[in-house]
């Protein structure tokens, strides 16, 4: 699980924002794996999730500060 969490952070650093399907395709992971990892990142307060038909995930300002972005 740690590996996919790190990989999602890397995707979000490079893409600014992405959908669950975009992340799953980029990481060659299942949608459920990505959703579980996103839930962890959201609970840690590192990402913002905009829920709609096409859920959008982005790093929040606190995560950007922690990562030096």
Protein backbone atom coordinates (compact mmCIF):
# COMPACT_ATOMS: atom_id res chain seq x y z
CA UNK A 1 0.00 0.00 0.00
CA UNK A 2 2.86 2.38 0.76
CA UNK A 3 4.20 2.00 -2.78
CA UNK A 4 0.91 3.00 -4.41
CA UNK A 5 0.49 5.96 -2.04
CA UNK A 6 3.96 7.21 -3.00
CA UNK A 7 3.23 6.61 -6.67
CA UNK A 8 -0.02 8.59 -6.47
CA UNK A 9 1.84 11.50 -4.89
CA UNK A 10 4.36 11.36 -7.73
CA UNK A 11 1.56 11.43 -10.32
CA UNK A 12 -0.09 14.39 -8.62
CA UNK A 13 3.20 16.27 -8.42
CA UNK A 14 3.69 15.89 -12.16
CA UNK A 15 0.07 16.37 -13.29
CA UNK A 16 -1.35 18.92 -10.78
CA UNK A 17 -4.67 17.02 -10.76
CA UNK A 18 -5.94 13.70 -12.04
CA UNK A 19 -8.96 11.43 -12.00
CA UNK A 20 -9.03 8.03 -10.35
CA UNK A 21 -9.06 6.36 -13.76
CA UNK A 22 -6.09 8.44 -14.96
CA UNK A 23 -4.09 7.47 -11.89
CA UNK A 24 -5.03 3.79 -12.16
CA UNK A 25 -4.02 3.71 -15.83
CA UNK A 26 -0.76 5.58 -15.21
CA UNK A 27 0.21 3.24 -12.34
CA UNK A 28 -1.17 0.05 -13.92
CA UNK A 29 -3.21 -0.46 -10.74
CA UNK A 30 -6.80 -1.44 -10.14
CA UNK A 31 -9.39 1.23 -9.49
CA UNK A 32 -9.99 -0.21 -5.99
CA UNK A 33 -6.29 -0.01 -5.11
CA UNK A 34 -6.23 3.63 -6.16
CA UNK A 35 -9.42 4.45 -4.25
CA UNK A 36 -8.04 2.87 -1.07
CA UNK A 37 -4.77 4.79 -1.38
CA UNK A 38 -6.63 8.03 -2.11
CA UNK A 39 -8.67 7.50 1.03
CA UNK A 40 -5.45 7.21 3.05
CA UNK A 41 -4.03 10.40 1.52
CA UNK A 42 -7.31 12.21 2.14
CA UNK A 43 -7.36 11.09 5.80
CA UNK A 44 -3.79 12.33 6.17
CA UNK A 45 -4.93 15.68 4.82
CA UNK A 46 -2.56 15.63 1.85
CA UNK A 47 -5.04 15.76 -1.01
CA UNK A 48 -8.30 17.42 -1.94
CA UNK A 49 -10.91 15.28 -3.62
CA UNK A 50 -13.63 16.85 -5.74
CA UNK A 51 -16.36 14.27 -6.04
CA UNK A 52 -18.48 14.34 -9.17
CA UNK A 53 -19.03 12.07 -12.17
CA UNK A 54 -15.29 12.25 -12.82
CA UNK A 55 -13.65 12.55 -9.40
CA UNK A 56 -10.66 14.90 -9.45
CA UNK A 57 -7.78 14.52 -7.01
CA UNK A 58 -5.16 17.20 -6.37
CA UNK A 59 -2.48 17.92 -3.80
CA UNK A 60 -3.60 20.48 -1.25
CA UNK A 61 -1.53 23.46 -0.13
CA UNK A 62 -0.22 21.68 2.99
CA UNK A 63 1.10 18.78 0.91
CA UNK A 64 2.73 21.21 -1.52
CA UNK A 65 4.54 22.90 1.39
CA UNK A 66 5.68 19.55 2.81
CA UNK A 67 6.97 18.48 -0.59
CA UNK A 68 8.64 21.82 -1.26
CA UNK A 69 6.52 22.64 -4.30
